Amino acid sequence: MSKISFIQGNIACAEGALAAGCRFFGGYPITPSTEIAEHMAMKLPKVKGTFIQMEDEIGSIAAVIGAAWTGVRAMTATSGPGLSLMMENIGYAVMTETPLVIVDIQRGGPSTGQPTMASQGDMFQCRFGSHGDYSIIALSPATVQEMYEMTAEAFNLADRFRVPVFLMADEIIGHMREKMTLPDTVPVMPVRERTERSTLPFKAEKDGVPGFTPFGKGHHVHVTGLTHDERGYPSTTNPDVHERLVTRLVAKVESTRREIASYDVTNPEAETVFVSYGAPTRAVWQALHDLKDDTVGHFRLKMVWPFPDWVEELFPQAQAYIVPEMNLGLISRELERHVTIPVISVPRLGGALHEPEELIRAVEGAK
């Protein structure tokens, strides 16, 4: 039977991972994500899983990649400085099509910045931080409940697309404590393993994703971060091989953006529309409650990447979009690429969340 709990967001994240079958965690302590590692260190041995603290974040993501290739669900958790160190190996995970989950509890930057204060400054880093052309999936929770649910869902997405999946939370949501429901079970998508002894372990199926051939299951598979053919063997000087491979790596995610998109639409007839993700969503909810204005709507992103570029279809009467973010306008810039009406950025730095009154003033200024 499901039970009601009052727990911290970071603990809910760890519990969601365990419920989804995560059995390996490789990490390194960093504020404000450390509670995730602490909880996994305590709980994983009880379910015959493995926790390992590496010497740094580079080693952490490397260990997670290695664990994933044995067929177990694996994850790490970090914050901005640690994510920076992981970037080269994140690109390796993309190229080798390694399914794994990366939780980023964002804090103020650049550099060491504000270790105990919230930010959303890593939203472009998770999408574009490694080099080369690629695509990833990033979820953004706004409640403790969603920390649990989205972490669990991240593993299903990672296995389905064989891609790193990010949970892009922030210090506010990570350290918040609120009531949530812990269900008995969560949906777990079985890994699509390649059953035949194929000599082409990286040959894609119809959806562009190869079946997975984990180590130790009797298959012969060569894994490399170099440009490779369907055998997994390096083919670094053939332009056609590289173009086919990288195009497929991007298309397997981007071609399904409408299918996997996750968002909430409030008042599709609105003329002024808030666009939010993560912690600022909570300020938008309060502002909408206080406004009681049927000309104001809300587009709430639960999945930020791939970005849903059909926003104008959802709000055909919109005259302006208002985007509150805990950065200097990262996703507002992305939104500007896809809409033809004004986008009003409401940035906030320093770790304090937007006040509802501030958002109400933005609505008044947009009219």
Protein backbone atom coordinates (compact mmCIF):
# COMPACT_ATOMS: atom_id res chain seq x y z
CA MET A 1 0.00 0.00 0.00
CA SER A 2 1.25 3.50 -0.83
CA LYS A 3 2.27 5.59 2.13
CA ILE A 4 2.44 9.30 2.84
CA SER A 5 5.86 10.62 3.80
CA PHE A 6 7.35 13.98 4.69
CA ILE A 7 10.85 13.91 3.27
CA GLN A 8 13.53 15.98 1.61
CA GLY A 9 13.71 16.28 -2.17
CA ASN A 10 17.16 14.71 -2.38
CA ILE A 11 15.98 11.72 -0.34
CA ALA A 12 12.93 11.39 -2.59
CA CYS A 13 15.30 11.32 -5.57
CA ALA A 14 17.31 8.48 -4.03
CA GLU A 15 14.15 6.55 -3.15
CA GLY A 16 12.86 6.98 -6.71
CA ALA A 17 16.11 5.56 -8.06
CA LEU A 18 15.94 2.56 -5.75
CA ALA A 19 12.31 1.90 -6.66
CA ALA A 20 13.24 2.00 -10.35
CA GLY A 21 15.85 -0.70 -9.83
CA CYS A 22 19.02 1.38 -9.62
CA ARG A 23 21.67 -0.90 -8.19
CA PHE A 24 24.84 1.11 -8.72
CA PHE A 25 25.75 4.60 -7.60
CA GLY A 26 29.11 6.16 -8.26
CA GLY A 27 29.63 9.62 -6.86
CA TYR A 28 31.64 12.22 -5.03
CA PRO A 29 30.25 14.49 -2.30
CA ILE A 30 29.24 17.98 -3.43
CA THR A 31 26.77 20.47 -2.01
CA PRO A 32 23.80 20.58 -2.49
CA SER A 33 23.45 16.99 -3.79
CA THR A 34 25.34 15.06 -1.09
CA GLU A 35 22.23 13.73 0.66
CA ILE A 36 21.50 11.64 -2.44
CA ALA A 37 24.87 9.91 -2.17
CA GLU A 38 24.50 9.46 1.58
CA HIS A 39 21.08 7.83 1.21
CA MET A 40 22.24 5.56 -1.60
CA ALA A 41 25.28 4.55 0.47
CA MET A 42 22.94 3.52 3.28
CA LYS A 43 20.28 1.80 1.19
CA LEU A 44 22.04 0.14 -1.76
CA PRO A 45 23.79 -2.62 0.27
CA LYS A 46 20.38 -3.63 1.66
CA VAL A 47 19.13 -4.42 -1.86
CA LYS A 48 22.39 -6.09 -3.00
CA GLY A 49 23.44 -2.99 -4.86
CA THR A 50 26.79 -1.21 -4.93
CA PHE A 51 27.77 2.25 -3.77
CA ILE A 52 31.21 3.59 -4.51
CA GLN A 53 32.70 6.97 -3.70
CA MET A 54 35.29 7.78 -6.33
CA GLU A 55 38.24 10.14 -6.05
CA ASP A 56 36.43 12.84 -8.04
CA GLU A 57 33.55 13.40 -10.44
CA ILE A 58 35.57 12.24 -13.44
CA GLY A 59 36.03 8.86 -11.81
CA SER A 60 32.39 8.84 -10.70
CA ILE A 61 30.88 9.10 -14.17
CA ALA A 62 33.46 6.63 -15.51
CA ALA A 63 32.42 4.10 -12.87
CA VAL A 64 28.73 4.64 -13.71
CA ILE A 65 29.42 4.05 -17.41
CA GLY A 66 31.28 0.84 -16.62
CA ALA A 67 28.51 -0.38 -14.32
CA ALA A 68 25.85 0.36 -16.93
CA TRP A 69 27.65 -1.85 -19.42
CA THR A 70 27.22 -4.81 -17.06
CA GLY A 71 23.46 -4.37 -17.45
CA VAL A 72 22.60 -2.74 -14.12
CA ARG A 73 20.76 0.55 -13.74
CA ALA A 74 23.35 3.10 -12.67
CA MET A 75 23.37 6.76 -11.68
CA THR A 76 25.35 9.57 -10.17
CA ALA A 77 24.44 12.89 -8.53
CA THR A 78 26.38 16.12 -8.51
CA SER A 79 26.18 19.90 -8.84
CA GLY A 80 27.58 22.39 -11.35
CA PRO A 81 31.34 22.11 -10.69
CA GLY A 82 31.10 18.33 -10.68
CA LEU A 83 29.03 18.32 -13.85
CA SER A 84 31.77 20.34 -15.55
CA LEU A 85 34.28 17.60 -14.72
CA MET A 86 31.96 14.91 -16.07
CA MET A 87 31.47 16.46 -19.49
CA GLU A 88 34.05 14.53 -21.48
CA ASN A 89 32.75 11.20 -20.20
CA ILE A 90 29.16 12.31 -20.81
CA GLY A 91 30.13 12.69 -24.46
CA TYR A 92 31.64 9.20 -24.28
CA ALA A 93 28.35 7.86 -22.90
CA VAL A 94 26.50 9.49 -25.80
CA MET A 95 28.84 8.03 -28.41
CA THR A 96 28.78 4.54 -26.86
CA GLU A 97 25.00 4.73 -26.27
CA THR A 98 25.32 3.98 -22.58
CA PRO A 99 22.07 4.27 -20.57
CA LEU A 100 22.59 6.11 -17.29
CA VAL A 101 21.07 8.82 -15.10
CA ILE A 102 22.79 12.01 -13.96
CA VAL A 103 21.18 14.12 -11.23
CA ASP A 104 22.30 17.75 -11.09
CA ILE A 105 21.16 19.70 -8.04
CA GLN A 106 22.04 23.13 -9.37
CA ARG A 107 23.75 25.86 -7.35
CA GLY A 108 25.02 29.33 -8.10
CA GLY A 109 28.05 29.64 -10.35
CA PRO A 110 30.36 30.12 -12.20
CA SER A 111 33.21 28.29 -10.45
CA THR A 112 32.65 27.49 -6.78
CA GLY A 113 29.96 30.16 -6.65
CA GLN A 114 27.23 29.65 -4.05
CA PRO A 115 27.41 26.07 -2.77
CA THR A 116 24.28 26.34 -0.63
CA MET A 117 22.10 28.55 -2.83
CA ALA A 118 19.86 27.61 -5.76
CA SER A 119 20.33 28.31 -9.43
CA GLN A 120 19.22 27.04 -12.82
CA GLY A 121 22.43 28.05 -14.54
CA ASP A 122 23.33 24.56 -15.82
CA MET A 123 20.42 24.16 -18.25
CA PHE A 124 22.55 24.80 -21.33
CA GLN A 125 25.50 22.92 -19.88
CA CYS A 126 23.57 19.66 -19.65
CA ARG A 127 22.36 20.08 -23.24
CA PHE A 128 25.48 21.43 -24.96
CA GLY A 129 28.32 21.00 -22.45
CA SER A 130 30.16 18.19 -24.18
CA HIS A 131 31.66 18.59 -27.63
CA GLY A 132 30.25 17.46 -30.96
CA ASP A 133 26.67 17.03 -32.15
CA TYR A 134 24.40 15.02 -29.87
CA SER A 135 21.07 15.04 -28.08
CA ILE A 136 20.08 14.17 -24.53
CA ILE A 137 16.95 14.16 -22.36
CA ALA A 138 16.54 16.42 -19.31
CA LEU A 139 13.70 16.44 -16.78
CA SER A 140 12.99 19.29 -14.35
CA PRO A 141 11.05 18.62 -11.12
CA ALA A 142 9.15 21.32 -9.23
CA THR A 143 8.05 19.27 -6.21
CA VAL A 144 9.42 16.60 -3.89
CA GLN A 145 6.91 14.18 -5.40
CA GLU A 146 8.35 14.83 -8.83
CA MET A 147 11.88 14.29 -7.54
CA TYR A 148 10.78 10.74 -6.84
CA GLU A 149 8.70 10.19 -9.96
CA MET A 150 11.01 11.83 -12.47
CA THR A 151 14.08 10.03 -11.16
CA ALA A 152 12.29 6.73 -11.69
CA GLU A 153 11.14 7.80 -15.16
CA ALA A 154 14.67 8.90 -16.07
CA PHE A 155 15.84 5.28 -15.93
CA ASN A 156 13.11 4.15 -18.32
CA LEU A 157 14.03 6.90 -20.78
CA ALA A 158 17.73 6.08 -20.49
CA ASP A 159 17.10 2.41 -21.28
CA ARG A 160 14.64 3.14 -24.07
CA PHE A 161 16.94 5.52 -25.94
CA ARG A 162 20.34 4.33 -24.70
CA VAL A 163 21.29 7.87 -23.78
CA PRO A 164 22.31 9.79 -20.65
CA VAL A 165 19.22 11.28 -19.00
CA PHE A 166 19.50 14.28 -16.68
CA LEU A 167 17.38 15.22 -13.71
CA MET A 168 17.93 18.97 -13.56
CA ALA A 169 16.75 20.02 -10.12
CA ASP A 170 18.06 22.83 -7.92
CA GLU A 171 18.96 23.47 -4.29
CA ILE A 172 15.44 24.64 -3.41
CA ILE A 173 13.76 21.45 -4.61
CA GLY A 174 16.63 19.25 -3.44
CA HIS A 175 16.56 20.54 0.13
CA MET A 176 12.83 21.21 0.41
CA ARG A 177 10.77 19.00 2.68
CA GLU A 178 7.13 18.42 1.87
CA LYS A 179 4.49 15.73 1.88
CA MET A 180 4.59 13.12 -0.85
CA THR A 181 3.16 9.73 -1.64
CA LEU A 182 5.57 6.80 -1.84
CA PRO A 183 3.91 4.24 -4.12
CA ASP A 184 4.38 0.50 -3.74
CA THR A 185 5.89 0.21 -7.21
CA VAL A 186 6.89 2.37 -10.16
CA PRO A 187 6.72 1.46 -13.86
CA VAL A 188 9.95 -0.22 -14.93
CA MET A 189 10.65 -0.64 -18.63
CA PRO A 190 12.59 -3.84 -19.35
CA VAL A 191 15.92 -3.41 -21.09
CA ARG A 192 15.71 -4.23 -24.77
CA GLU A 193 18.61 -6.63 -24.96
CA ARG A 194 19.86 -8.01 -28.25
CA THR A 195 19.21 -11.72 -27.93
CA GLU A 196 20.87 -13.06 -31.06
CA ARG A 197 24.63 -13.35 -31.25
CA SER A 198 24.94 -10.47 -33.68
CA THR A 199 28.20 -9.38 -35.23
CA LEU A 200 26.67 -5.90 -35.48
CA PRO A 201 25.95 -4.85 -31.88
CA PHE A 202 25.45 -1.20 -32.91
CA LYS A 203 23.03 -1.92 -35.74
CA ALA A 204 19.95 0.16 -35.00
CA GLU A 205 16.42 -1.15 -34.96
CA LYS A 206 13.53 0.68 -36.63
CA ASP A 207 13.41 3.39 -33.97
CA GLY A 208 17.10 4.16 -34.41
CA VAL A 209 18.15 2.49 -31.14
CA PRO A 210 20.27 -0.69 -31.09
CA GLY A 211 19.38 -3.49 -28.74
CA PHE A 212 21.68 -3.53 -25.72
CA THR A 213 24.42 -6.16 -25.39
CA PRO A 214 25.81 -5.85 -21.85
CA PHE A 215 29.10 -7.42 -20.88
CA GLY A 216 28.93 -10.87 -19.37
CA LYS A 217 25.90 -12.04 -21.35
CA GLY A 218 27.79 -14.09 -23.95
CA HIS A 219 27.97 -11.43 -26.66
CA HIS A 220 31.06 -10.08 -28.33
CA VAL A 221 30.92 -6.30 -28.38
CA HIS A 222 33.60 -3.67 -28.87
CA VAL A 223 32.92 -0.33 -27.19
CA THR A 224 34.80 2.81 -28.17
CA GLY A 225 34.33 6.55 -28.02
CA LEU A 226 35.83 6.80 -31.49
CA THR A 227 33.59 7.06 -34.52
CA HIS A 228 32.64 3.44 -35.12
CA ASP A 229 30.73 1.25 -37.54
CA GLU A 230 27.88 -1.10 -36.64
CA ARG A 231 30.39 -3.67 -35.40
CA GLY A 232 31.63 -1.15 -32.86
CA TYR A 233 35.03 -0.97 -34.55
CA PRO A 234 36.74 2.40 -35.08
CA SER A 235 36.17 4.04 -38.45
CA THR A 236 37.47 7.53 -37.90
CA THR A 237 38.38 8.67 -41.41
CA ASN A 238 35.25 7.74 -43.31
CA PRO A 239 32.96 10.80 -43.58
CA ASP A 240 29.92 8.69 -44.45
CA VAL A 241 30.27 6.46 -41.38
CA HIS A 242 30.61 9.46 -39.09
CA GLU A 243 27.65 11.28 -40.61
CA ARG A 244 25.38 8.22 -40.39
CA LEU A 245 26.36 7.51 -36.80
CA VAL A 246 26.05 11.02 -35.40
CA THR A 247 22.86 11.73 -37.34
CA ARG A 248 21.32 8.59 -35.83
CA LEU A 249 22.48 9.45 -32.31
CA VAL A 250 20.70 12.80 -32.57
CA ALA A 251 17.62 11.61 -34.47
CA LYS A 252 16.78 8.75 -32.09
CA VAL A 253 15.90 11.39 -29.49
CA GLU A 254 14.89 14.42 -31.54
CA SER A 255 12.53 12.49 -33.83
CA THR A 256 10.42 11.50 -30.81
CA ARG A 257 10.23 14.92 -29.15
CA ARG A 258 6.44 15.16 -29.53
CA GLU A 259 5.92 11.63 -28.25
CA ILE A 260 8.03 11.93 -25.11
CA ALA A 261 7.36 15.60 -24.33
CA SER A 262 6.09 16.24 -20.81
CA TYR A 263 4.44 19.51 -19.82
CA ASP A 264 1.34 21.05 -18.27
CA VAL A 265 -0.89 23.54 -20.10
CA THR A 266 -3.05 25.89 -18.02
CA ASN A 267 -5.59 28.08 -19.83
CA PRO A 268 -4.72 27.55 -23.51
CA GLU A 269 -6.85 30.58 -24.44
CA ALA A 270 -4.57 32.91 -22.50
CA GLU A 271 -3.12 36.11 -23.93
CA THR A 272 -0.21 36.27 -21.47
CA VAL A 273 1.55 32.99 -20.73
CA PHE A 274 4.07 32.08 -18.04
CA VAL A 275 6.70 29.56 -19.12
CA SER A 276 8.49 27.87 -16.24
CA TYR A 277 10.43 24.81 -15.12
CA GLY A 278 11.77 23.72 -11.77
CA ALA A 279 11.50 25.82 -8.61
CA PRO A 280 10.17 29.07 -10.22
CA THR A 281 7.07 27.07 -11.14
CA ARG A 282 6.02 27.31 -7.51
CA ALA A 283 6.08 31.12 -7.63
CA VAL A 284 4.03 31.00 -10.85
CA TRP A 285 1.41 28.80 -9.20
CA GLN A 286 1.01 31.34 -6.40
CA ALA A 287 0.93 34.27 -8.81
CA LEU A 288 -1.82 32.61 -10.86
CA HIS A 289 -3.79 31.96 -7.68
CA ASP A 290 -3.45 35.59 -6.60
CA LEU A 291 -4.20 37.05 -10.03
CA LYS A 292 -7.38 35.10 -10.77
CA ASP A 293 -7.12 36.45 -14.33
CA ASP A 294 -8.56 34.32 -17.14
CA THR A 295 -6.30 36.03 -19.68
CA VAL A 296 -3.16 34.57 -18.05
CA GLY A 297 -1.97 31.02 -18.69
CA HIS A 298 0.92 28.75 -17.83
CA PHE A 299 3.15 26.43 -19.84
CA ARG A 300 5.06 24.29 -17.35
CA LEU A 301 7.97 22.26 -18.69
CA LYS A 302 8.54 18.93 -16.99
CA MET A 303 10.93 17.85 -19.73
CA VAL A 304 13.10 20.74 -20.90
CA TRP A 305 15.22 18.83 -23.42
CA PRO A 306 14.26 18.04 -26.11
CA PHE A 307 12.54 21.42 -26.09
CA PRO A 308 8.88 21.39 -27.25
CA ASP A 309 9.13 23.79 -30.18
CA TRP A 310 5.38 23.81 -30.87
CA VAL A 311 4.48 26.18 -28.01
CA GLU A 312 2.47 28.52 -30.24
CA GLU A 313 0.16 25.66 -31.20
CA LEU A 314 -0.75 25.27 -27.53
CA PHE A 315 -1.49 28.96 -26.91
CA PRO A 316 -2.89 30.30 -30.21
CA GLN A 317 -4.07 33.61 -28.70
CA ALA A 318 -0.90 34.39 -26.76
CA GLN A 319 0.48 37.91 -27.10
CA ALA A 320 3.48 37.56 -24.76
CA TYR A 321 5.41 34.89 -22.87
CA ILE A 322 6.91 35.56 -19.44
CA VAL A 323 9.80 33.29 -18.42
CA PRO A 324 10.97 33.41 -14.78
CA GLU A 325 14.29 31.62 -14.39
CA MET A 326 17.04 31.41 -11.79
CA ASN A 327 19.61 32.39 -14.40
CA LEU A 328 20.01 35.26 -16.88
CA GLY A 329 17.49 33.90 -19.35
CA LEU A 330 18.72 30.59 -20.78
CA ILE A 331 15.42 28.93 -21.67
CA SER A 332 13.85 32.26 -22.60
CA ARG A 333 16.46 32.41 -25.39
CA GLU A 334 15.50 28.93 -26.49
CA LEU A 335 11.84 29.92 -26.50
CA GLU A 336 12.62 32.98 -28.63
CA ARG A 337 13.88 30.65 -31.35
CA HIS A 338 10.47 29.04 -31.71
CA VAL A 339 7.87 31.78 -31.26
CA THR A 340 6.91 34.94 -33.12
CA ILE A 341 5.64 37.06 -30.23
CA PRO A 342 7.57 38.82 -27.43
CA VAL A 343 9.38 36.76 -24.80
CA ILE A 344 9.85 38.59 -21.51
CA SER A 345 12.66 37.19 -19.41
CA VAL A 346 12.40 37.55 -15.62
CA PRO A 347 15.87 36.53 -14.43
CA ARG A 348 16.87 35.97 -10.84
CA LEU A 349 20.37 35.31 -9.50
CA GLY A 350 21.69 34.91 -5.97
CA GLY A 351 19.67 31.93 -4.83
CA ALA A 352 16.39 33.60 -3.81
CA LEU A 353 13.23 32.44 -5.56
CA HIS A 354 10.98 34.88 -7.43
CA GLU A 355 8.27 36.54 -5.37
CA PRO A 356 4.72 36.12 -6.74
CA GLU A 357 4.29 39.92 -6.62
CA GLU A 358 7.24 40.26 -8.98
CA LEU A 359 5.57 37.96 -11.48
CA ILE A 360 2.27 39.80 -11.16
CA ARG A 361 4.06 43.04 -12.02
CA ALA A 362 5.54 41.33 -15.07
CA VAL A 363 2.04 40.40 -16.24
CA GLU A 364 0.84 43.98 -15.77
CA GLY A 365 3.82 45.26 -17.74
CA ALA A 366 3.17 42.84 -20.58
CA LYS A 367 -0.40 44.03 -21.16
